[in-house]
Protein backbone atom coordinates (compact mmCIF):
# COMPACT_ATOMS: atom_id res chain seq x y z
CA MET A 1 -5.30 18.52 -9.50
CA LYS A 2 -3.78 16.80 -12.47
CA ILE A 3 -1.11 14.13 -12.85
CA ILE A 4 1.35 14.72 -15.69
CA SER A 5 3.38 11.91 -17.24
CA ILE A 6 6.70 13.41 -18.28
CA ARG A 7 7.00 10.88 -21.08
CA LYS A 8 3.68 12.03 -22.54
CA HIS A 9 4.32 15.72 -21.81
CA SER A 10 8.01 16.30 -22.43
CA GLU A 11 7.51 20.06 -22.22
CA TYR A 12 7.60 19.52 -18.41
CA LYS A 13 11.03 17.83 -18.52
CA ASP A 14 13.11 20.70 -17.17
CA SER A 15 10.58 21.53 -14.44
CA ALA A 16 10.40 17.86 -13.48
CA ILE A 17 14.16 17.50 -13.28
CA LYS A 18 14.47 20.54 -11.03
CA TYR A 19 11.59 19.42 -8.82
CA PHE A 20 12.86 15.85 -8.34
CA GLN A 21 16.35 17.16 -7.67
CA SER A 22 15.02 19.57 -5.06
CA LYS A 23 13.21 16.79 -3.19
CA TRP A 24 15.44 13.75 -3.63
CA ALA A 25 18.95 14.61 -4.82
CA ASN A 26 22.08 15.76 -3.08
CA GLU A 27 25.01 17.52 -4.73
CA ASN A 28 26.46 14.15 -5.80
CA SER A 29 23.24 12.75 -7.30
CA MET A 30 21.80 15.68 -9.23
CA MET A 31 22.71 14.15 -12.60
CA VAL A 32 20.90 10.90 -11.76
CA TYR A 33 17.54 12.63 -12.13
CA ASP A 34 18.62 14.79 -15.05
CA ASP A 35 19.94 11.85 -17.08
CA CYS A 36 17.16 9.42 -16.15
CA ILE A 37 14.24 11.78 -16.81
CA THR A 38 15.79 13.10 -20.03
CA ASN A 39 16.35 9.61 -21.46
CA ALA A 40 13.03 8.21 -20.23
CA ILE A 41 11.17 10.53 -22.58
CA THR A 42 12.42 8.81 -25.73
CA SER A 43 12.73 5.27 -24.36
CA ASN A 44 10.83 2.43 -26.02
CA ASN A 45 10.83 0.55 -22.71
CA PRO A 46 7.90 0.81 -20.28
CA LEU A 47 10.38 1.91 -17.59
CA PRO A 48 11.25 4.40 -16.26
CA GLN A 49 8.29 6.77 -16.00
CA TRP A 50 8.14 10.04 -14.06
CA TYR A 51 5.07 11.95 -12.85
CA LEU A 52 4.23 15.38 -11.51
CA LEU A 53 1.16 16.31 -9.49
CA MET A 54 0.00 19.75 -10.60
CA ASP A 55 -2.25 22.32 -8.96
CA ASP A 56 -2.86 24.45 -12.05
CA LEU A 57 0.70 25.45 -13.02
CA LYS A 58 2.25 24.69 -9.61
CA ILE A 59 4.05 21.39 -8.98
CA VAL A 60 2.88 19.99 -5.65
CA GLY A 61 4.07 16.38 -5.82
CA CYS A 62 5.91 13.71 -7.75
CA SER A 63 6.56 10.00 -8.16
CA GLY A 64 8.37 7.59 -10.40
CA LEU A 65 8.19 4.07 -11.81
CA ILE A 66 11.67 2.58 -12.16
CA THR A 67 13.61 -0.67 -12.55
CA ASN A 68 15.41 -0.49 -9.19
CA ASP A 69 15.42 1.95 -6.28
CA PHE A 70 19.11 1.60 -5.37
CA ILE A 71 18.33 -1.54 -3.37
CA SER A 72 19.79 -5.05 -3.21
CA ARG A 73 16.64 -6.85 -4.42
CA MET A 74 17.35 -6.45 -8.11
CA ASP A 75 15.25 -9.53 -8.81
CA LEU A 76 12.15 -7.47 -7.98
CA TYR A 77 10.72 -4.82 -10.32
CA PRO A 78 9.22 -2.37 -11.13
CA TRP A 79 9.50 0.04 -8.21
CA LEU A 80 7.38 2.98 -7.12
CA CYS A 81 9.87 5.66 -6.14
CA ALA A 82 10.26 9.29 -5.16
CA LEU A 83 6.69 9.75 -3.93
CA TYR A 84 6.43 13.23 -2.48
CA ILE A 85 3.56 15.59 -1.68
CA GLU A 86 4.18 19.17 -0.56
CA LYS A 87 3.35 19.63 3.14
CA ASP A 88 0.47 22.05 2.49
CA TYR A 89 -1.19 19.47 0.22
CA ARG A 90 -0.86 16.40 2.45
CA GLY A 91 -3.91 14.73 3.95
CA ASN A 92 -6.01 15.05 0.79
CA GLY A 93 -5.34 11.66 -0.82
CA TYR A 94 -2.98 13.05 -3.46
CA GLY A 95 -0.34 10.43 -2.67
CA ALA A 96 -2.95 7.77 -3.45
CA LYS A 97 -3.61 9.40 -6.83
CA LEU A 98 0.08 9.24 -7.73
CA ILE A 99 0.28 5.64 -6.53
CA GLU A 100 -2.70 4.75 -8.75
CA ALA A 101 -1.06 6.39 -11.78
CA VAL A 102 2.12 4.38 -11.18
CA LYS A 103 0.13 1.17 -10.68
CA TYR A 104 -1.81 1.76 -13.90
CA ASP A 105 1.32 2.28 -16.00
CA ALA A 106 3.06 -0.70 -14.39
CA LYS A 107 0.12 -2.92 -15.28
CA GLU A 108 -0.03 -1.45 -18.80
CA GLY A 109 3.69 -2.30 -19.08
CA GLY A 110 2.87 -5.97 -18.49
CA PHE A 111 3.93 -6.22 -14.86
CA THR A 112 1.94 -8.13 -12.23
CA ASN A 113 3.48 -6.66 -9.07
CA LEU A 114 4.76 -3.28 -7.95
CA TYR A 115 7.42 -2.81 -5.27
CA LEU A 116 8.67 0.03 -3.11
CA CYS A 117 11.23 0.57 -0.40
CA THR A 118 10.71 2.91 2.50
CA SER A 119 11.38 3.58 6.14
CA HIS A 120 7.74 4.63 6.63
CA ILE A 121 5.55 2.14 8.46
CA GLY A 122 1.80 2.43 8.15
CA TYR A 123 1.44 4.70 5.11
CA TYR A 124 1.68 2.29 2.19
CA GLU A 125 -0.19 -0.46 3.99
CA LYS A 126 -3.30 1.78 3.79
CA TYR A 127 -3.14 1.38 0.01
CA GLY A 128 -2.80 -2.41 -0.01
CA PHE A 129 0.98 -2.80 0.01
CA GLU A 130 2.34 -5.77 1.97
CA TYR A 131 5.70 -6.04 3.68
CA VAL A 132 8.14 -8.42 1.93
CA GLY A 133 11.34 -8.01 3.92
CA ASN A 134 14.36 -5.77 4.14
CA GLY A 135 16.70 -4.69 1.36
CA TYR A 136 20.07 -3.01 1.49
CA HIS A 137 21.33 0.17 -0.16
CA PRO A 138 24.85 0.75 -1.54
CA TRP A 139 25.43 3.49 1.05
CA GLY A 140 25.04 1.01 3.93
CA GLU A 141 21.44 1.60 5.05
CA SER A 142 18.48 -0.77 4.82
CA SER A 143 14.84 -0.20 3.95
CA ARG A 144 11.61 -2.11 4.25
CA ILE A 145 10.35 -3.57 0.95
CA TYR A 146 6.65 -3.72 0.11
CA THR A 147 4.69 -5.17 -2.80
CA ILE A 148 1.20 -4.99 -4.23
CA LYS A 149 -0.48 -7.17 -6.88
CA LEU A 150 -1.59 -5.23 -9.95
């Protein structure tokens, strides 16, 4: 298993866009991933960053490091987002490997905390994340917000 940073390996850009879109986008949000991943490659800012988990040449997971995860707490950043592991690969600690890659780059970017929003309870706590409170999305839903010191 190998984690690929799309910024460092731009040859994976098109594959990354398609994969993130297949897991996280709907017909109205496809261009969000296309535009964000495309422009992140040449950005001088530490954010955003996008990652693929590879099993040889097969993409089996992904994650991102972004400024805001479509949530009301815009005073908090950066955010771990879009963590996904293919069902056949779950239970092997691969999510933890992606989380560690995101944490490393966040710290390298000069940040002291990392945030995430989720409806999952119990998963991120295993990796040291602590519940902060609830945040609200533009589409009317809410999510739990977690943080971890870097």
